[in-house]
Protein backbone atom coordinates (compact mmCIF):
# COMPACT_ATOMS: atom_id res chain seq x y z
CA MET A 1 43.05 10.52 28.64
CA LYS A 2 43.46 14.15 29.78
CA HIS A 3 44.33 13.16 33.35
CA ILE A 4 47.13 10.93 32.06
CA PHE A 5 48.71 13.81 30.18
CA PHE A 6 48.60 15.98 33.30
CA GLY A 7 50.50 13.32 35.26
CA VAL A 8 53.15 12.88 32.61
CA GLY A 9 53.62 16.68 32.24
CA GLY A 10 54.14 17.11 35.99
CA GLY A 11 56.85 14.45 35.96
CA LEU A 12 58.71 16.10 33.07
CA VAL A 13 58.77 19.51 34.80
CA ALA A 14 60.14 18.01 38.01
CA GLY A 15 62.89 16.21 36.08
CA ILE A 16 64.00 19.35 34.22
CA LEU A 17 64.19 21.34 37.46
CA ALA A 18 66.36 18.66 39.07
CA LEU A 19 68.79 18.75 36.13
CA LEU A 20 69.05 22.56 36.29
CA ILE A 21 69.85 22.41 40.00
CA LEU A 22 72.50 19.74 39.38
CA PHE A 23 74.35 21.73 36.72
CA GLN A 24 73.83 25.25 38.04
CA GLY A 25 74.85 24.42 41.62
CA PRO A 26 78.66 24.10 41.06
CA LEU A 27 78.73 27.04 38.67
CA SER A 28 77.10 29.32 41.21
CA LEU A 29 79.70 28.39 43.78
CA SER A 30 82.46 29.76 41.58
CA GLN A 31 80.66 32.95 40.60
CA ALA A 32 78.78 34.26 43.62
CA PRO A 33 78.23 33.73 47.34
CA ILE A 34 75.67 31.11 48.14
CA ALA A 35 72.38 32.52 49.34
CA GLU A 36 71.01 30.92 52.47
CA SER A 37 68.19 28.66 51.51
CA SER A 38 66.71 25.65 53.19
CA GLU A 39 65.71 24.35 49.74
CA THR A 40 69.31 24.28 48.30
CA ILE A 41 71.72 23.92 51.20
CA SER A 42 71.63 22.81 54.79
CA GLU A 43 71.42 25.54 57.46
CA THR A 44 74.44 23.98 59.25
CA ALA A 45 76.66 23.72 56.18
CA GLU A 46 79.85 25.81 56.32
CA PRO A 47 80.98 27.77 53.23
CA THR A 48 84.17 26.58 51.61
CA SER A 49 87.14 28.97 51.21
CA GLU A 50 87.80 27.90 47.69
CA PRO A 51 85.44 26.61 45.10
CA SER A 52 85.97 23.00 44.29
CA ALA A 53 85.13 21.33 41.05
CA THR A 54 83.93 18.36 43.03
CA ALA A 55 81.70 20.29 45.41
CA LEU A 56 78.01 19.61 45.00
CA PRO A 57 75.04 21.19 46.71
CA ALA A 58 73.40 19.13 49.43
CA GLU A 59 70.72 16.76 48.25
CA THR A 60 67.33 18.36 48.46
CA ALA A 61 63.96 16.75 49.09
CA THR A 62 61.52 17.21 46.22
CA GLU A 63 57.81 17.11 46.86
CA GLU A 64 55.67 14.86 44.73
CA PRO A 65 53.20 16.95 42.72
CA GLU A 66 49.60 16.72 43.81
CA PRO A 67 47.58 14.55 41.42
CA GLU A 68 45.57 16.65 39.05
CA VAL A 69 41.87 16.69 39.97
CA ILE A 70 39.76 16.83 36.84
CA GLU A 71 36.12 17.75 37.18
CA CYS A 72 33.74 16.60 34.47
CA SER A 73 30.24 18.02 34.14
CA VAL A 74 27.23 16.87 32.14
CA ALA A 75 25.32 20.10 32.77
CA GLU A 76 24.95 20.88 29.08
CA LEU A 77 23.56 17.42 28.29
CA GLU A 78 21.21 17.63 31.26
CA ALA A 79 19.89 20.96 29.98
CA ALA A 80 19.03 19.55 26.55
CA GLU A 81 15.57 20.38 25.26
CA ASN A 82 14.48 16.75 25.15
CA ILE A 83 15.43 15.98 28.72
CA GLN A 84 12.06 16.57 30.33
CA SER A 85 11.45 15.52 33.92
CA LEU A 86 14.79 13.99 34.85
CA GLN A 87 15.37 11.62 37.73
CA ALA A 88 18.77 9.99 37.98
CA GLN A 89 21.51 8.69 40.21
CA VAL A 90 25.07 7.64 39.33
CA ILE A 91 27.31 5.79 41.81
CA ASN A 92 30.98 4.86 41.71
CA ALA A 93 30.61 1.09 42.06
CA GLU A 94 34.02 0.64 43.68
CA THR A 95 33.73 3.35 46.34
CA GLY A 96 29.97 3.73 46.77
CA GLU A 97 30.28 7.48 46.24
CA VAL A 98 27.22 9.15 44.71
CA LEU A 99 28.59 11.15 41.80
CA PHE A 100 25.34 12.55 40.40
CA ASP A 101 21.81 12.80 41.79
CA ARG A 102 18.56 14.26 40.52
CA ASP A 103 15.47 13.50 42.63
CA SER A 104 16.59 9.89 42.90
CA SER A 105 14.60 9.19 46.06
CA GLU A 106 11.26 10.06 44.43
CA ALA A 107 9.31 6.93 43.44
CA ASN A 108 7.94 7.25 39.93
CA ARG A 109 6.98 5.23 36.86
CA SER A 110 9.97 3.10 35.98
CA ALA A 111 8.75 1.46 32.76
CA SER A 112 10.49 -1.88 32.11
CA VAL A 113 13.22 -1.21 34.66
CA MET A 114 10.61 -2.80 36.95
CA LYS A 115 11.59 -6.14 35.38
CA LEU A 116 14.82 -6.04 37.42
CA PHE A 117 12.71 -6.34 40.56
CA THR A 118 10.48 -8.99 39.00
CA ALA A 119 13.54 -11.08 38.25
CA ALA A 120 15.02 -10.50 41.71
CA ALA A 121 11.76 -11.46 43.41
CA ALA A 122 11.56 -14.66 41.35
CA LEU A 123 15.14 -15.61 42.19
CA GLU A 124 14.64 -14.92 45.88
CA THR A 125 11.46 -17.02 46.12
CA LEU A 126 11.23 -19.57 43.31
CA GLY A 127 14.97 -19.89 42.71
CA PRO A 128 16.93 -20.11 39.45
CA ASN A 129 16.09 -23.77 38.76
CA TYR A 130 12.34 -23.62 39.35
CA ARG A 131 10.26 -25.12 36.53
CA VAL A 132 6.54 -24.70 35.91
CA THR A 133 4.61 -27.95 35.37
CA THR A 134 1.59 -28.05 33.07
CA ARG A 135 -0.62 -31.09 33.68
CA VAL A 136 -3.41 -32.95 31.93
CA TYR A 137 -6.00 -34.94 33.87
CA VAL A 138 -8.77 -37.31 32.90
CA ASP A 139 -12.13 -37.42 34.65
CA ALA A 140 -12.32 -40.17 37.26
CA LEU A 141 -15.81 -41.22 36.10
CA ASP A 142 -15.77 -40.34 32.41
CA PRO A 143 -12.42 -40.94 30.66
CA SER A 144 -13.61 -39.02 27.60
CA ILE A 145 -13.26 -35.76 29.52
CA LEU A 146 -9.81 -34.14 29.64
CA TYR A 147 -8.67 -31.27 31.86
CA LEU A 148 -5.81 -29.04 30.67
CA VAL A 149 -4.63 -27.17 33.76
CA GLY A 150 -2.61 -24.01 33.45
CA ALA A 151 0.12 -23.45 36.02
CA GLY A 152 1.46 -20.16 34.71
CA ASP A 153 3.74 -21.42 31.95
CA VAL A 154 3.26 -18.98 29.07
CA THR A 155 6.08 -20.67 27.13
CA LEU A 156 4.08 -23.86 26.48
CA SER A 157 4.33 -24.18 22.70
CA ARG A 158 2.41 -25.55 19.74
CA THR A 159 5.54 -25.72 17.59
CA GLY A 160 6.41 -29.04 16.00
CA VAL A 161 9.32 -31.39 16.60
CA GLY A 162 12.63 -29.66 15.97
CA VAL A 163 10.99 -26.23 15.70
CA GLU A 164 11.67 -23.58 18.32
CA SER A 165 9.42 -20.76 19.46
CA VAL A 166 10.83 -17.49 20.79
CA TYR A 167 11.28 -19.31 24.10
CA GLU A 168 14.32 -21.54 24.50
CA ASP A 169 13.62 -25.16 25.46
CA ALA A 170 9.87 -24.55 25.63
CA PRO A 171 7.66 -27.55 26.53
CA LYS A 172 5.31 -28.64 23.76
CA LEU A 173 1.67 -29.55 23.38
CA SER A 174 2.83 -32.38 21.13
CA ASP A 175 4.63 -33.98 24.09
CA LEU A 176 1.44 -33.86 26.13
CA ALA A 177 -0.41 -35.46 23.21
CA LYS A 178 2.15 -38.28 23.01
CA GLN A 179 1.80 -39.03 26.72
CA ILE A 180 -2.00 -39.06 26.40
CA SER A 181 -1.75 -41.45 23.45
CA ALA A 182 0.55 -43.69 25.49
CA TRP A 183 -2.05 -43.73 28.26
CA SER A 184 -4.67 -44.85 25.73
CA ASN A 185 -4.36 -44.89 21.97
CA THR A 186 -8.00 -45.79 21.51
CA GLN A 187 -9.73 -43.25 23.73
CA THR A 188 -11.58 -40.43 22.01
CA PHE A 189 -12.52 -37.28 23.85
CA SER A 190 -15.89 -35.65 24.10
CA GLN A 191 -14.80 -32.63 26.09
CA ILE A 192 -11.66 -30.63 26.84
CA VAL A 193 -11.94 -28.49 29.97
CA LEU A 194 -9.58 -25.53 30.18
CA ASP A 195 -8.67 -24.76 33.79
CA SER A 196 -6.99 -21.35 34.17
CA SER A 197 -8.17 -20.81 37.72
CA LEU A 198 -4.73 -20.49 39.32
CA TYR A 199 -5.00 -16.70 39.09
CA GLY A 200 -7.11 -14.16 37.23
CA THR A 201 -10.25 -14.62 35.19
CA PRO A 202 -11.03 -17.52 32.80
CA GLU A 203 -10.27 -15.28 29.79
CA GLY A 204 -7.19 -13.60 31.23
CA GLU A 205 -6.79 -10.06 32.52
CA TYR A 206 -5.58 -6.92 30.78
CA GLN A 207 -4.73 -3.96 33.01
CA SER A 208 -7.14 -1.08 32.48
CA VAL A 209 -4.25 1.38 32.01
CA TRP A 210 -2.41 -0.77 29.48
CA ASP A 211 -2.53 0.44 25.91
CA LEU A 212 -4.65 -1.95 23.83
CA ARG A 213 -2.09 -1.54 21.08
CA GLY A 214 -0.03 -3.96 23.13
CA ILE A 215 -2.28 -6.74 21.81
CA THR A 216 -2.35 -5.67 18.18
CA ASP A 217 1.30 -4.62 18.12
CA GLY A 218 2.20 -7.88 19.79
CA TYR A 219 4.17 -6.81 22.84
CA MET A 220 1.64 -7.95 25.49
CA SER A 221 -1.00 -10.62 26.02
CA PRO A 222 -3.72 -10.77 28.65
CA VAL A 223 -2.46 -12.34 31.88
CA SER A 224 -3.64 -15.93 32.30
CA ALA A 225 -2.36 -19.10 33.94
CA LEU A 226 -3.01 -21.04 30.74
CA GLN A 227 -1.75 -19.83 27.38
CA VAL A 228 0.38 -21.12 24.54
CA ASP A 229 3.40 -19.33 23.00
CA GLY A 230 2.50 -16.22 24.97
CA ASP A 231 -0.66 -16.22 22.79
CA ARG A 232 1.30 -15.13 19.72
CA ASP A 233 -0.12 -15.58 16.23
CA ASN A 234 3.40 -16.55 15.20
CA PRO A 235 5.25 -18.59 17.85
CA SER A 236 8.60 -17.46 16.44
CA GLY A 237 7.76 -13.75 16.27
CA LYS A 238 8.70 -11.74 19.33
CA ASP A 239 6.17 -8.99 18.62
CA SER A 240 3.51 -11.09 16.92
CA PRO A 241 -0.13 -10.00 17.47
CA ARG A 242 -2.03 -11.56 20.41
CA SER A 243 -5.71 -12.16 21.12
CA THR A 244 -8.13 -11.07 23.83
CA ASP A 245 -8.70 -14.67 25.02
CA PRO A 246 -5.45 -16.65 25.31
CA VAL A 247 -7.16 -19.44 27.28
CA ALA A 248 -9.60 -20.29 24.48
CA ARG A 249 -6.82 -20.29 21.90
CA ALA A 250 -4.77 -22.64 24.10
CA GLY A 251 -7.70 -25.07 24.00
CA THR A 252 -7.96 -24.89 20.22
CA TRP A 253 -4.26 -25.56 19.76
CA PHE A 254 -4.33 -28.40 22.32
CA ALA A 255 -7.17 -30.10 20.44
CA GLU A 256 -5.20 -29.78 17.22
CA ALA A 257 -2.21 -31.46 18.89
CA LEU A 258 -4.43 -34.36 19.99
CA GLY A 259 -5.49 -34.92 16.40
CA ASN A 260 -8.17 -37.50 15.57
CA SER A 261 -8.88 -38.36 19.20
CA ALA A 262 -10.27 -34.85 19.80
CA LEU A 263 -12.04 -34.16 16.51
CA GLU A 264 -15.45 -34.14 18.19
CA ALA A 265 -14.35 -32.65 21.51
CA GLU A 266 -16.24 -29.69 22.96
CA ILE A 267 -13.82 -27.07 24.36
CA VAL A 268 -15.08 -25.39 27.54
CA LYS A 269 -13.66 -23.47 30.49
CA GLY A 270 -14.03 -24.90 33.95
CA LEU A 271 -12.43 -26.38 37.06
CA THR A 272 -10.66 -29.67 37.55
CA PRO A 273 -12.35 -31.96 40.12
CA PRO A 274 -10.15 -33.08 43.01
CA ASP A 275 -10.45 -36.75 42.06
CA ALA A 276 -9.31 -36.28 38.45
CA VAL A 277 -6.41 -38.51 37.42
CA GLU A 278 -3.17 -37.07 36.04
CA ILE A 279 -2.11 -38.67 32.75
CA ALA A 280 0.42 -36.23 31.28
CA GLN A 281 2.74 -33.37 32.23
CA VAL A 282 5.48 -31.18 30.77
CA LYS A 283 7.90 -28.84 32.49
CA SER A 284 9.12 -25.41 31.46
CA ALA A 285 12.72 -24.38 31.10
CA PRO A 286 14.22 -23.25 34.43
CA MET A 287 13.45 -19.80 35.79
CA LYS A 288 16.95 -18.54 35.00
CA THR A 289 16.23 -19.18 31.29
CA TRP A 290 13.01 -17.19 31.55
CA ILE A 291 14.88 -14.33 33.22
CA ASP A 292 17.58 -14.22 30.54
CA TYR A 293 15.05 -13.84 27.74
CA MET A 294 12.74 -11.51 29.66
CA LEU A 295 15.58 -9.06 30.31
CA LEU A 296 17.25 -9.35 26.92
CA VAL A 297 14.19 -8.41 24.84
CA SER A 298 11.96 -7.02 27.64
CA ASP A 299 9.30 -9.72 27.30
CA ASN A 300 6.20 -8.44 29.10
CA THR A 301 4.26 -11.70 29.07
CA LEU A 302 7.05 -13.57 30.84
CA ALA A 303 7.35 -10.78 33.38
CA GLU A 304 3.67 -10.96 34.27
CA ALA A 305 3.82 -14.75 34.61
CA MET A 306 6.81 -14.46 36.94
CA ALA A 307 5.10 -11.81 39.03
CA ARG A 308 2.04 -14.04 39.58
CA LEU A 309 4.18 -17.05 40.49
CA VAL A 310 6.05 -14.93 43.04
CA SER A 311 2.76 -13.78 44.56
CA LEU A 312 1.54 -17.35 44.92
CA ASP A 313 4.86 -18.53 46.32
CA VAL A 314 4.80 -15.98 49.15
CA GLY A 315 1.25 -16.95 50.11
CA LEU A 316 -0.83 -14.40 48.19
CA ASN A 317 -3.42 -14.92 45.44
CA GLY A 318 -1.55 -14.03 42.27
CA SER A 319 -3.68 -10.99 41.47
CA PHE A 320 -2.57 -7.59 40.22
CA ALA A 321 -3.52 -6.16 43.60
CA SER A 322 -1.21 -8.52 45.45
CA LEU A 323 2.02 -7.60 43.69
CA THR A 324 3.32 -4.76 45.88
CA GLN A 325 3.08 -6.88 48.99
CA ALA A 326 4.41 -9.91 47.11
CA TYR A 327 7.60 -8.12 46.05
CA GLN A 328 8.11 -6.67 49.51
CA ARG A 329 7.84 -10.16 51.01
CA ALA A 330 10.01 -11.74 48.34
CA LEU A 331 12.83 -9.22 48.75
CA VAL A 332 12.77 -8.78 52.52
CA GLU A 333 16.14 -10.49 53.01
CA THR A 334 17.88 -8.03 50.68
CA ASP A 335 17.28 -5.14 53.12
CA ILE A 336 16.41 -2.85 50.21
CA ASP A 337 14.06 -0.10 51.37
CA LEU A 338 10.83 -0.91 49.50
CA SER A 339 8.52 1.30 51.54
CA SER A 340 7.80 3.56 48.57
CA LEU A 341 7.49 0.73 46.05
CA ARG A 342 4.19 0.32 44.21
CA VAL A 343 3.88 -2.63 41.82
CA GLU A 344 0.88 -2.39 39.52
CA ASP A 345 2.32 -5.02 37.19
CA GLY A 346 5.45 -7.11 36.81
CA SER A 347 6.32 -5.80 33.35
CA GLY A 348 6.46 -2.07 34.11
CA LEU A 349 3.81 -1.19 31.53
CA SER A 350 1.57 0.60 34.00
CA LYS A 351 2.03 4.34 34.45
CA ASN A 352 0.98 3.83 38.08
CA ASN A 353 4.04 1.86 39.09
CA LYS A 354 6.22 3.63 41.67
CA LEU A 355 9.92 2.87 41.92
CA ALA A 356 12.68 5.31 42.87
CA PRO A 357 15.97 5.43 40.92
CA ALA A 358 17.88 5.23 44.21
CA THR A 359 16.01 2.01 45.03
CA VAL A 360 16.93 0.60 41.63
CA ASN A 361 20.57 1.42 42.35
CA GLU A 362 20.33 -0.42 45.67
CA LEU A 363 19.37 -3.54 43.76
CA LEU A 364 22.04 -2.96 41.10
CA THR A 365 24.62 -2.62 43.88
CA LEU A 366 23.60 -5.96 45.39
CA MET A 367 23.85 -7.51 41.93
CA TYR A 368 27.31 -5.99 41.49
CA GLU A 369 28.40 -7.38 44.85
CA GLY A 370 27.22 -10.90 43.93
CA TYR A 371 24.39 -11.20 46.42
CA GLY A 372 22.60 -14.57 46.30
CA ASP A 373 21.59 -15.60 42.79
CA LEU A 374 21.29 -12.04 41.51
CA GLU A 375 24.32 -12.44 39.24
CA ILE A 376 21.88 -14.24 36.94
CA ILE A 377 20.25 -10.86 36.34
CA VAL A 378 23.59 -9.29 35.45
CA ASP A 379 24.22 -12.09 32.96
CA GLY A 380 20.85 -11.46 31.34
CA LEU A 381 21.11 -7.70 30.91
CA PRO A 382 21.25 -6.26 27.39
CA VAL A 383 24.71 -5.18 26.25
CA ALA A 384 25.33 -2.30 23.87
CA GLY A 385 26.07 -3.47 20.34
CA THR A 386 24.90 -7.08 20.85
CA PRO A 387 21.51 -8.71 20.15
CA GLY A 388 18.79 -7.46 22.46
CA SER A 389 17.16 -4.17 23.34
CA LEU A 390 20.51 -2.29 23.19
CA SER A 391 21.47 -3.63 19.76
CA TYR A 392 21.55 -0.25 18.02
CA ARG A 393 22.22 2.06 20.92
CA PHE A 394 25.50 3.37 22.33
CA GLU A 395 27.50 2.57 19.22
CA ASP A 396 30.46 4.51 20.65
CA ALA A 397 30.49 2.34 23.77
CA VAL A 398 29.94 -1.18 22.44
CA ALA A 399 30.04 -3.74 25.26
CA LYS A 400 30.63 -0.95 27.81
CA VAL A 401 26.99 -0.14 28.55
CA VAL A 402 25.13 -3.02 30.22
CA ALA A 403 21.61 -2.02 31.19
CA LYS A 404 17.89 -2.73 31.32
CA THR A 405 15.88 -0.57 28.97
CA GLY A 406 12.45 0.87 29.64
CA TRP A 407 9.76 2.62 27.64
CA ILE A 408 6.13 3.55 28.07
CA ARG A 409 4.29 6.33 26.29
CA THR A 410 5.09 8.77 29.09
CA GLY A 411 8.73 8.03 29.70
CA TYR A 412 12.03 6.33 28.97
CA SER A 413 14.26 4.68 31.54
CA LEU A 414 17.61 2.94 31.65
CA ALA A 415 19.42 1.26 34.54
CA GLY A 416 22.60 -0.76 34.81
CA TYR A 417 26.36 -0.43 34.56
CA LEU A 418 28.91 1.69 32.69
CA PHE A 419 32.54 0.74 32.10
CA PRO A 420 34.26 4.02 31.16
CA GLU A 421 37.68 4.40 29.55
CA ASP A 422 39.26 5.56 32.83
CA GLY A 423 38.82 2.06 34.25
CA SER A 424 36.10 2.99 36.72
CA GLN A 425 32.78 1.21 37.00
CA LEU A 426 29.55 3.15 37.41
CA ILE A 427 26.09 2.10 38.57
CA PHE A 428 23.32 4.27 37.17
CA THR A 429 19.57 4.69 36.83
CA VAL A 430 17.95 7.36 34.67
CA TYR A 431 14.31 8.27 34.03
CA ASN A 432 13.34 10.80 31.35
CA LEU A 433 9.63 11.34 31.95
CA ALA A 434 7.02 13.56 30.31
CA ASN A 435 3.34 13.68 29.41
CA SER A 436 4.30 12.08 26.13
CA VAL A 437 7.67 10.98 24.78
CA ALA A 438 9.18 10.29 21.38
CA ILE A 439 12.42 8.81 20.12
CA LYS A 440 14.14 12.18 20.51
CA ASN A 441 13.63 11.90 24.27
CA ARG A 442 15.29 8.51 24.30
CA ASP A 443 18.20 9.87 22.27
CA ALA A 444 18.65 12.75 24.70
CA MET A 445 18.66 10.32 27.62
CA ASP A 446 21.24 8.16 25.85
CA GLU A 447 23.45 11.20 25.23
CA LEU A 448 23.28 12.04 28.93
CA VAL A 449 24.29 8.47 29.80
CA MET A 450 27.17 8.77 27.34
CA GLY A 451 28.13 11.91 29.24
CA PHE A 452 28.32 9.84 32.43
CA PHE A 453 30.39 7.32 30.51
CA GLY A 454 32.77 9.97 29.18
CA CYS A 455 33.33 11.50 32.60
CA GLY A 456 33.81 8.22 34.43
CA ALA A 457 34.93 8.65 38.03
CA ASN A 458 35.51 12.39 37.42
CA LEU A 459 31.79 13.06 37.03
CA ILE A 460 30.67 15.97 39.19
CA ASP A 461 27.18 16.89 40.32
CA ASN A 462 26.54 20.41 39.02
């Protein structure tokens, strides 16, 4: 509000001066000769022989005061002990002016800020309404053999009728079982073949640099084309423990859904023959629903599934190794410079990912401008003070910080939009990196972001 007070004060001073001139002008005419001054009287005006009560000085032009320029620095917050290796960029969204920059062109580990690019790549290739179809086939020669074929839908759920998993509108194993029963209510099955060959290994893949605590703590499952409820022990628990073989567990839960018809079925992993006959299918919720949930709670399993689907859609093989090229192909029409991008995974968990804060801000700018379907990402971003990964952060700026959070054991990140009290709108990306980080490093980063928020458009780079 300081700049408002400066403006009001300047107006009051100008008004008082005008009043003094008005009242002092006639009095001076009666008491002393008028000094020549271009500010109070015209150079061509002739002096009067007698003072007149009605004589007034010539109207004078008053200059409007220059607007007060207020500079606002976050130098003290930047110098805080728990700001380690800082990379950041802040842009005035309305003018495009870079207000603050710290090594923003250097590509580095972005943590879950990478999910912004995963979502953008999915929207650019698959589209917001794309649905993943999981199919069941029966053997052409032996109808007692079923093939459950994974297509990358990690939301497929074992929950019962009327029960929801963490994933909105998730397709259910029970619906597949009903369709199979409608095909034949007398057929029993001797074998269930689990086909997860779309990408990865039959058991699923876990990046070598990923912390294995991701499985036990429940924030990551191995990547596989076939899995149920993101392989959670508890389908309704966001961070429920996972297993090391999501494909096998999918088979067990599928057999349970089939009930008596599969009591004697052997569950094996294999490939579906080309002449197998489709007898059942279910479809996932649309991609835009996946994106909303992935961004809101930073769901790693969804992110990895999206990344593989993007890779396949652009003609690659869905492997970890394909992802950098996949994202570059997927986002080519955006004209974002992705030459320094390195995508080790779609979730951002890998410390080997490389993504520059300035590149993130390029994407955020496109989102702000309404490019393509990218507004879906804006709609899915966490908002300070509301459910999601910003629920308990930025309590002094509720609903005015809208951003994707990021955390790995060697850094915190945050990227999105600020809506300061001065009415400006800021685009920002911040990394606070170190050999090891703790909650105090996140708090210091948040305080720096609140500094950006407090300064608004008056933020200066010093």
